[in-house]
Amino acid sequence: MDHASSWSTKQTLVLTNNRQWVVNLHRPWASCQSSGDDCAGIVAHYASEVLKLAQPHATSPATRSRIMAVIRPSRYLEGLPQEVRATALSEPFALDLIVIYVVDEGEAARGANALDLNANGISREALPALSRTNLARVLPPLTKCERDSVVVLAAQNYYESSRLLLTEQWSDLAVKAGGPVVVAAPSNDVLVIACSPSATVLDKLSAIAVKLWQSADRPLSPSLLEWTGNGWRGPSATRH
């Protein structure tokens, strides 16, 4: 095997290589859980597609529409090869979470880099807005949020936690809720939301977030975040 394309893992069900590829094996794992009779075929197909995409000739600068953003724990970068960290496009988000910019390759994602930006005439300053536009296409707005209740969004959407970046959605939801909106992102594909929560509901939200975080294949954070109208703030400022 070409050393430049060798794979390693520091997280369960996640493979990385030094060509900036991060392969999430949670998708075939979930498919095998629901369709165990054809698990071997599912894994073989997934591996074949990923290997095709990972060939040197297959990695070309991204088109604008495939540049996305994901939420990850701050420790995530520590698990990547040093040469990948050096070219990663990232920024702080809130608490112990960061934003990583990636290129969606269908069955896999690789880190976005300066070549992708240059090929599309995108400045680093314009990158957050572009990624939010692309995320909005795959994350339709939340239509309602009942007062003093907890809603769990878990539709196996790889980008569900990235919804935290869609500020207009949260501002609109806060208006509909008529009060504070508090969330947790225990996993990359799960959000837990409470609108105008009482202290009792906040405790329930926190307990659910911790439980989901502890059992997640790709855990993010059990911390609570409150929408302020301009961004997110941590649990110490959350209203009770």
C-alpha atoms as a PDB file:
ATOM      1  CA  MET A   1       0.000   0.000   0.000  1.00  0.00           C
ATOM      2  CA  ASP A   2       1.196   3.515  -0.766  1.00  0.00           C
ATOM      3  CA  HIS A   3       2.450   4.971   2.515  1.00  0.00           C
ATOM      4  CA  ALA A   4       0.966   8.346   1.561  1.00  0.00           C
ATOM      5  CA  SER A   5      -2.472   6.757   1.718  1.00  0.00           C
ATOM      6  CA  SER A   6      -1.979   4.603   4.836  1.00  0.00           C
ATOM      7  CA  TRP A   7      -4.763   4.651   7.401  1.00  0.00           C
ATOM      8  CA  SER A   8      -4.746   4.862  11.181  1.00  0.00           C
ATOM      9  CA  THR A   9      -7.301   5.293  13.942  1.00  0.00           C
ATOM     10  CA  LYS A  10      -7.342   7.074  17.274  1.00  0.00           C
ATOM     11  CA  GLN A  11     -11.113   6.957  17.633  1.00  0.00           C
ATOM     12  CA  THR A  12     -13.528   4.051  17.460  1.00  0.00           C
ATOM     13  CA  LEU A  13     -15.039   3.738  13.968  1.00  0.00           C
ATOM     14  CA  VAL A  14     -13.039   6.681  12.600  1.00  0.00           C
ATOM     15  CA  LEU A  15     -10.130   6.328  10.173  1.00  0.00           C
ATOM     16  CA  THR A  16      -7.721   9.068   9.139  1.00  0.00           C
ATOM     17  CA  ASN A  17      -4.786   9.250   6.773  1.00  0.00           C
ATOM     18  CA  ASN A  18      -2.084  11.798   6.121  1.00  0.00           C
ATOM     19  CA  ARG A  19      -3.801  13.032   2.972  1.00  0.00           C
ATOM     20  CA  GLN A  20      -6.422  14.772   5.125  1.00  0.00           C
ATOM     21  CA  TRP A  21      -9.105  12.129   4.791  1.00  0.00           C
ATOM     22  CA  VAL A  22     -11.392  11.360   7.725  1.00  0.00           C
ATOM     23  CA  VAL A  23     -13.630   8.354   7.134  1.00  0.00           C
ATOM     24  CA  ASN A  24     -16.632   7.956   9.398  1.00  0.00           C
ATOM     25  CA  LEU A  25     -17.525   4.269   9.834  1.00  0.00           C
ATOM     26  CA  HIS A  26     -20.630   5.029  11.869  1.00  0.00           C
ATOM     27  CA  ARG A  27     -22.786   5.023   8.722  1.00  0.00           C
ATOM     28  CA  PRO A  28     -22.073   1.401   7.735  1.00  0.00           C
ATOM     29  CA  TRP A  29     -22.189   0.456  11.416  1.00  0.00           C
ATOM     30  CA  ALA A  30     -25.712   1.886  11.714  1.00  0.00           C
ATOM     31  CA  SER A  31     -26.742   0.170   8.466  1.00  0.00           C
ATOM     32  CA  CYS A  32     -25.414  -3.149   9.751  1.00  0.00           C
ATOM     33  CA  GLN A  33     -27.357  -2.697  12.968  1.00  0.00           C
ATOM     34  CA  SER A  34     -30.616  -2.279  11.046  1.00  0.00           C
ATOM     35  CA  SER A  35     -29.839  -4.723   8.196  1.00  0.00           C
ATOM     36  CA  GLY A  36     -27.598  -7.326   9.756  1.00  0.00           C
ATOM     37  CA  ASP A  37     -28.290  -9.945   7.102  1.00  0.00           C
ATOM     38  CA  ASP A  38     -26.416  -7.911   4.496  1.00  0.00           C
ATOM     39  CA  CYS A  39     -23.724  -6.425   6.723  1.00  0.00           C
ATOM     40  CA  ALA A  40     -20.862  -7.927   4.717  1.00  0.00           C
ATOM     41  CA  GLY A  41     -22.206  -6.408   1.514  1.00  0.00           C
ATOM     42  CA  ILE A  42     -22.749  -3.028   3.172  1.00  0.00           C
ATOM     43  CA  VAL A  43     -19.177  -2.933   4.477  1.00  0.00           C
ATOM     44  CA  ALA A  44     -17.700  -4.116   1.170  1.00  0.00           C
ATOM     45  CA  HIS A  45     -19.562  -1.444  -0.795  1.00  0.00           C
ATOM     46  CA  TYR A  46     -18.617   1.303   1.658  1.00  0.00           C
ATOM     47  CA  ALA A  47     -14.937   0.278   1.679  1.00  0.00           C
ATOM     48  CA  SER A  48     -14.863   0.154  -2.118  1.00  0.00           C
ATOM     49  CA  GLU A  49     -16.351   3.643  -2.471  1.00  0.00           C
ATOM     50  CA  VAL A  50     -14.045   5.157   0.145  1.00  0.00           C
ATOM     51  CA  LEU A  51     -10.932   3.621  -1.424  1.00  0.00           C
ATOM     52  CA  LYS A  52     -11.943   4.960  -4.818  1.00  0.00           C
ATOM     53  CA  LEU A  53     -12.408   8.437  -3.427  1.00  0.00           C
ATOM     54  CA  ALA A  54      -9.129   8.278  -1.516  1.00  0.00           C
ATOM     55  CA  GLN A  55      -6.981   7.587  -4.560  1.00  0.00           C
ATOM     56  CA  PRO A  56      -4.565  10.451  -5.258  1.00  0.00           C
ATOM     57  CA  HIS A  57      -6.197  11.286  -8.594  1.00  0.00           C
ATOM     58  CA  ALA A  58      -9.625  11.463  -6.931  1.00  0.00           C
ATOM     59  CA  THR A  59      -8.696  14.246  -4.518  1.00  0.00           C
ATOM     60  CA  SER A  60      -9.131  17.502  -6.391  1.00  0.00           C
ATOM     61  CA  PRO A  61     -10.098  20.970  -5.179  1.00  0.00           C
ATOM     62  CA  ALA A  62     -13.677  21.057  -3.944  1.00  0.00           C
ATOM     63  CA  THR A  63     -16.543  22.806  -5.635  1.00  0.00           C
ATOM     64  CA  ARG A  64     -18.169  25.566  -3.582  1.00  0.00           C
ATOM     65  CA  SER A  65     -21.274  23.493  -2.873  1.00  0.00           C
ATOM     66  CA  ARG A  66     -19.312  20.728  -1.137  1.00  0.00           C
ATOM     67  CA  ILE A  67     -17.571  22.909   1.438  1.00  0.00           C
ATOM     68  CA  MET A  68     -19.228  22.290   4.804  1.00  0.00           C
ATOM     69  CA  ALA A  69     -18.571  22.845   8.497  1.00  0.00           C
ATOM     70  CA  VAL A  70     -18.738  20.360  11.354  1.00  0.00           C
ATOM     71  CA  ILE A  71     -18.733  20.780  15.122  1.00  0.00           C
ATOM     72  CA  ARG A  72     -16.105  18.782  16.997  1.00  0.00           C
ATOM     73  CA  PRO A  73     -14.608  18.694  20.506  1.00  0.00           C
ATOM     74  CA  SER A  74     -11.462  20.788  20.816  1.00  0.00           C
ATOM     75  CA  ARG A  75      -9.483  17.594  21.421  1.00  0.00           C
ATOM     76  CA  TYR A  76     -10.446  16.363  17.939  1.00  0.00           C
ATOM     77  CA  LEU A  77      -7.505  18.069  16.255  1.00  0.00           C
ATOM     78  CA  GLU A  78      -5.120  16.338  18.642  1.00  0.00           C
ATOM     79  CA  GLY A  79      -6.130  12.975  17.156  1.00  0.00           C
ATOM     80  CA  LEU A  80      -5.243  13.966  13.585  1.00  0.00           C
ATOM     81  CA  PRO A  81      -1.802  13.509  11.990  1.00  0.00           C
ATOM     82  CA  GLN A  82       0.440  16.535  12.504  1.00  0.00           C
ATOM     83  CA  GLU A  83       0.559  17.349   8.800  1.00  0.00           C
ATOM     84  CA  VAL A  84      -3.243  17.369   8.690  1.00  0.00           C
ATOM     85  CA  ARG A  85      -3.495  19.672  11.706  1.00  0.00           C
ATOM     86  CA  ALA A  86      -1.074  22.064  10.025  1.00  0.00           C
ATOM     87  CA  THR A  87      -3.404  22.634   7.059  1.00  0.00           C
ATOM     88  CA  ALA A  88      -6.755  22.287   8.841  1.00  0.00           C
ATOM     89  CA  LEU A  89      -9.172  25.194   8.636  1.00  0.00           C
ATOM     90  CA  SER A  90     -10.751  25.570  12.056  1.00  0.00           C
ATOM     91  CA  GLU A  91     -11.867  28.094  14.630  1.00  0.00           C
ATOM     92  CA  PRO A  92     -13.259  28.164  18.183  1.00  0.00           C
ATOM     93  CA  PHE A  93     -17.012  27.764  18.584  1.00  0.00           C
ATOM     94  CA  ALA A  94     -18.234  27.674  22.193  1.00  0.00           C
ATOM     95  CA  LEU A  95     -17.049  26.051  25.406  1.00  0.00           C
ATOM     96  CA  ASP A  96     -15.118  22.896  24.516  1.00  0.00           C
ATOM     97  CA  LEU A  97     -16.288  22.831  20.892  1.00  0.00           C
ATOM     98  CA  ILE A  98     -14.635  23.990  17.665  1.00  0.00           C
ATOM     99  CA  VAL A  99     -15.617  24.355  14.017  1.00  0.00           C
ATOM    100  CA  ILE A 100     -13.764  22.304  11.384  1.00  0.00           C
ATOM    101  CA  TYR A 101     -14.266  23.028   7.682  1.00  0.00           C
ATOM    102  CA  VAL A 102     -14.534  19.941   5.498  1.00  0.00           C
ATOM    103  CA  VAL A 103     -15.235  18.858   1.941  1.00  0.00           C
ATOM    104  CA  ASP A 104     -18.179  16.499   1.593  1.00  0.00           C
ATOM    105  CA  GLU A 105     -17.147  13.629  -0.679  1.00  0.00           C
ATOM    106  CA  GLY A 106     -20.359  11.626  -0.330  1.00  0.00           C
ATOM    107  CA  GLU A 107     -19.297   8.569   1.630  1.00  0.00           C
ATOM    108  CA  ALA A 108     -16.419  10.365   3.350  1.00  0.00           C
ATOM    109  CA  ALA A 109     -15.164  13.807   4.279  1.00  0.00           C
ATOM    110  CA  ARG A 110     -11.735  15.352   4.070  1.00  0.00           C
ATOM    111  CA  GLY A 111     -10.448  18.513   5.640  1.00  0.00           C
ATOM    112  CA  ALA A 112     -10.891  21.646   3.550  1.00  0.00           C
ATOM    113  CA  ASN A 113      -7.645  23.466   2.839  1.00  0.00           C
ATOM    114  CA  ALA A 114      -6.209  26.557   1.177  1.00  0.00           C
ATOM    115  CA  LEU A 115      -6.193  24.873  -2.244  1.00  0.00           C
ATOM    116  CA  ASP A 116      -9.960  24.418  -2.051  1.00  0.00           C
ATOM    117  CA  LEU A 117     -10.433  28.072  -1.186  1.00  0.00           C
ATOM    118  CA  ASN A 118      -8.062  29.333  -3.882  1.00  0.00           C
ATOM    119  CA  ALA A 119      -9.662  27.149  -6.567  1.00  0.00           C
ATOM    120  CA  ASN A 120     -13.036  28.746  -5.851  1.00  0.00           C
ATOM    121  CA  GLY A 121     -11.902  32.289  -5.162  1.00  0.00           C
ATOM    122  CA  ILE A 122     -13.048  32.057  -1.542  1.00  0.00           C
ATOM    123  CA  SER A 123     -11.343  34.151   1.104  1.00  0.00           C
ATOM    124  CA  ARG A 124     -10.833  32.754   4.576  1.00  0.00           C
ATOM    125  CA  GLU A 125     -13.169  35.454   5.866  1.00  0.00           C
ATOM    126  CA  ALA A 126     -15.946  34.307   3.503  1.00  0.00           C
ATOM    127  CA  LEU A 127     -15.614  30.623   4.449  1.00  0.00           C
ATOM    128  CA  PRO A 128     -18.035  30.589   7.434  1.00  0.00           C
ATOM    129  CA  ALA A 129     -20.866  32.187   5.441  1.00  0.00           C
ATOM    130  CA  LEU A 130     -20.378  29.817   2.505  1.00  0.00           C
ATOM    131  CA  SER A 131     -20.417  26.749   4.738  1.00  0.00           C
ATOM    132  CA  ARG A 132     -23.602  27.958   6.443  1.00  0.00           C
ATOM    133  CA  THR A 133     -25.284  28.405   3.065  1.00  0.00           C
ATOM    134  CA  ASN A 134     -24.370  24.847   2.130  1.00  0.00           C
ATOM    135  CA  LEU A 135     -25.471  23.470   5.499  1.00  0.00           C
ATOM    136  CA  ALA A 136     -28.855  25.179   5.192  1.00  0.00           C
ATOM    137  CA  ARG A 137     -29.567  23.060   2.093  1.00  0.00           C
ATOM    138  CA  VAL A 138     -29.311  19.814   4.077  1.00  0.00           C
ATOM    139  CA  LEU A 139     -30.739  21.061   7.390  1.00  0.00           C
ATOM    140  CA  PRO A 140     -34.278  22.376   6.925  1.00  0.00           C
ATOM    141  CA  PRO A 141     -35.538  24.892   9.517  1.00  0.00           C
ATOM    142  CA  LEU A 142     -37.064  23.734  12.767  1.00  0.00           C
ATOM    143  CA  THR A 143     -40.767  24.518  12.554  1.00  0.00           C
ATOM    144  CA  LYS A 144     -41.724  24.533  16.231  1.00  0.00           C
ATOM    145  CA  CYS A 145     -40.528  23.978  19.757  1.00  0.00           C
ATOM    146  CA  GLU A 146     -43.039  23.459  22.543  1.00  0.00           C
ATOM    147  CA  ARG A 147     -42.532  25.547  25.672  1.00  0.00           C
ATOM    148  CA  ASP A 148     -40.991  23.738  28.637  1.00  0.00           C
ATOM    149  CA  SER A 149     -40.353  20.503  26.734  1.00  0.00           C
ATOM    150  CA  VAL A 150     -37.365  18.562  25.422  1.00  0.00           C
ATOM    151  CA  VAL A 151     -36.975  17.599  21.754  1.00  0.00           C
ATOM    152  CA  VAL A 152     -34.334  15.156  20.511  1.00  0.00           C
ATOM    153  CA  LEU A 153     -33.253  15.485  16.868  1.00  0.00           C
ATOM    154  CA  ALA A 154     -31.650  12.188  15.850  1.00  0.00           C
ATOM    155  CA  ALA A 155     -32.354  11.398  12.206  1.00  0.00           C
ATOM    156  CA  GLN A 156     -28.828  10.021  11.524  1.00  0.00           C
ATOM    157  CA  ASN A 157     -27.920  13.213   9.684  1.00  0.00           C
ATOM    158  CA  TYR A 158     -24.125  13.510   9.754  1.00  0.00           C
ATOM    159  CA  TYR A 159     -24.429  17.316   9.950  1.00  0.00           C
ATOM    160  CA  GLU A 160     -27.151  17.598  12.615  1.00  0.00           C
ATOM    161  CA  SER A 161     -24.853  19.171  15.222  1.00  0.00           C
ATOM    162  CA  SER A 162     -23.699  21.652  12.558  1.00  0.00           C
ATOM    163  CA  ARG A 163     -27.183  23.157  12.816  1.00  0.00           C
ATOM    164  CA  LEU A 164     -25.744  25.134  15.740  1.00  0.00           C
ATOM    165  CA  LEU A 165     -24.027  27.317  13.131  1.00  0.00           C
ATOM    166  CA  LEU A 166     -27.271  28.322  11.407  1.00  0.00           C
ATOM    167  CA  THR A 167     -27.961  31.495  13.342  1.00  0.00           C
ATOM    168  CA  GLU A 168     -31.120  32.492  11.475  1.00  0.00           C
ATOM    169  CA  GLN A 169     -32.790  29.180  12.345  1.00  0.00           C
ATOM    170  CA  TRP A 170     -32.143  29.712  16.056  1.00  0.00           C
ATOM    171  CA  SER A 171     -33.237  33.336  16.044  1.00  0.00           C
ATOM    172  CA  ASP A 172     -36.492  32.340  14.343  1.00  0.00           C
ATOM    173  CA  LEU A 173     -37.015  29.448  16.778  1.00  0.00           C
ATOM    174  CA  ALA A 174     -36.434  31.713  19.786  1.00  0.00           C
ATOM    175  CA  VAL A 175     -39.122  34.086  18.484  1.00  0.00           C
ATOM    176  CA  LYS A 176     -41.559  31.177  18.074  1.00  0.00           C
ATOM    177  CA  ALA A 177     -40.667  29.824  21.520  1.00  0.00           C
ATOM    178  CA  GLY A 178     -41.188  33.202  23.142  1.00  0.00           C
ATOM    179  CA  GLY A 179     -38.281  32.607  25.494  1.00  0.00           C
ATOM    180  CA  PRO A 180     -34.837  31.044  25.934  1.00  0.00           C
ATOM    181  CA  VAL A 181     -33.675  28.189  23.706  1.00  0.00           C
ATOM    182  CA  VAL A 182     -31.201  25.786  25.327  1.00  0.00           C
ATOM    183  CA  VAL A 183     -29.500  22.931  23.484  1.00  0.00           C
ATOM    184  CA  ALA A 184     -26.873  20.230  23.807  1.00  0.00           C
ATOM    185  CA  ALA A 185     -24.923  18.451  21.067  1.00  0.00           C
ATOM    186  CA  PRO A 186     -23.958  15.123  22.645  1.00  0.00           C
ATOM    187  CA  SER A 187     -23.073  13.566  19.271  1.00  0.00           C
ATOM    188  CA  ASN A 188     -22.305  14.737  15.751  1.00  0.00           C
ATOM    189  CA  ASP A 189     -25.729  13.541  14.554  1.00  0.00           C
ATOM    190  CA  VAL A 190     -27.852  14.446  17.590  1.00  0.00           C
ATOM    191  CA  LEU A 191     -29.196  17.680  19.060  1.00  0.00           C
ATOM    192  CA  VAL A 192     -31.284  17.976  22.218  1.00  0.00           C
ATOM    193  CA  ILE A 193     -33.376  21.137  22.455  1.00  0.00           C
ATOM    194  CA  ALA A 194     -35.526  22.790  25.123  1.00  0.00           C
ATOM    195  CA  CYS A 195     -37.566  25.957  24.590  1.00  0.00           C
ATOM    196  CA  SER A 196     -38.460  28.286  27.467  1.00  0.00           C
ATOM    197  CA  PRO A 197     -37.394  25.559  29.906  1.00  0.00           C
ATOM    198  CA  SER A 198     -38.124  25.508  33.627  1.00  0.00           C
ATOM    199  CA  ALA A 199     -35.409  24.423  36.036  1.00  0.00           C
ATOM    200  CA  THR A 200     -36.926  20.930  36.056  1.00  0.00           C
ATOM    201  CA  VAL A 201     -36.822  20.680  32.265  1.00  0.00           C
ATOM    202  CA  LEU A 202     -33.245  21.994  32.205  1.00  0.00           C
ATOM    203  CA  ASP A 203     -32.263  19.188  34.583  1.00  0.00           C
ATOM    204  CA  LYS A 204     -34.013  16.714  32.291  1.00  0.00           C
ATOM    205  CA  LEU A 205     -32.235  18.153  29.260  1.00  0.00           C
ATOM    206  CA  SER A 206     -28.872  17.856  30.989  1.00  0.00           C
ATOM    207  CA  ALA A 207     -29.519  14.251  32.030  1.00  0.00           C
ATOM    208  CA  ILE A 208     -30.545  13.259  28.488  1.00  0.00           C
ATOM    209  CA  ALA A 209     -27.486  14.997  27.018  1.00  0.00           C
ATOM    210  CA  VAL A 210     -25.112  13.198  29.393  1.00  0.00           C
ATOM    211  CA  LYS A 211     -26.694   9.816  28.673  1.00  0.00           C
ATOM    212  CA  LEU A 212     -26.538  10.295  24.894  1.00  0.00           C
ATOM    213  CA  TRP A 213     -22.972  11.624  25.109  1.00  0.00           C
ATOM    214  CA  GLN A 214     -21.829   8.613  27.122  1.00  0.00           C
ATOM    215  CA  SER A 215     -23.340   6.165  24.623  1.00  0.00           C
ATOM    216  CA  ALA A 216     -22.460   8.043  21.402  1.00  0.00           C
ATOM    217  CA  ASP A 217     -20.263   6.505  18.712  1.00  0.00           C
ATOM    218  CA  ARG A 218     -18.869   9.980  18.040  1.00  0.00           C
ATOM    219  CA  PRO A 219     -19.366  12.010  21.238  1.00  0.00           C
ATOM    220  CA  LEU A 220     -19.187  15.797  21.160  1.00  0.00           C
ATOM    221  CA  SER A 221     -20.160  17.387  24.471  1.00  0.00           C
ATOM    222  CA  PRO A 222     -22.784  17.043  27.224  1.00  0.00           C
ATOM    223  CA  SER A 223     -22.587  20.791  27.962  1.00  0.00           C
ATOM    224  CA  LEU A 224     -25.643  23.006  27.643  1.00  0.00           C
ATOM    225  CA  LEU A 225     -25.674  26.068  25.405  1.00  0.00           C
ATOM    226  CA  GLU A 226     -28.194  28.920  25.417  1.00  0.00           C
ATOM    227  CA  TRP A 227     -29.007  30.978  22.347  1.00  0.00           C
ATOM    228  CA  THR A 228     -28.402  34.689  22.956  1.00  0.00           C
ATOM    229  CA  GLY A 229     -29.681  36.156  19.686  1.00  0.00           C
ATOM    230  CA  ASN A 230     -26.155  36.529  18.332  1.00  0.00           C
ATOM    231  CA  GLY A 231     -24.546  33.255  19.329  1.00  0.00           C
ATOM    232  CA  TRP A 232     -24.257  30.653  22.067  1.00  0.00           C
ATOM    233  CA  ARG A 233     -23.227  31.015  25.677  1.00  0.00           C
ATOM    234  CA  GLY A 234     -22.338  28.425  28.234  1.00  0.00           C
ATOM    235  CA  PRO A 235     -24.263  26.786  31.061  1.00  0.00           C
ATOM    236  CA  SER A 236     -23.043  29.198  33.750  1.00  0.00           C
ATOM    237  CA  ALA A 237     -25.114  31.909  32.050  1.00  0.00           C
ATOM    238  CA  THR A 238     -28.144  29.708  31.344  1.00  0.00           C
ATOM    239  CA  ARG A 239     -31.305  31.001  32.953  1.00  0.00           C
ATOM    240  CA  HIS A 240     -33.055  28.845  35.538  1.00  0.00           C
END
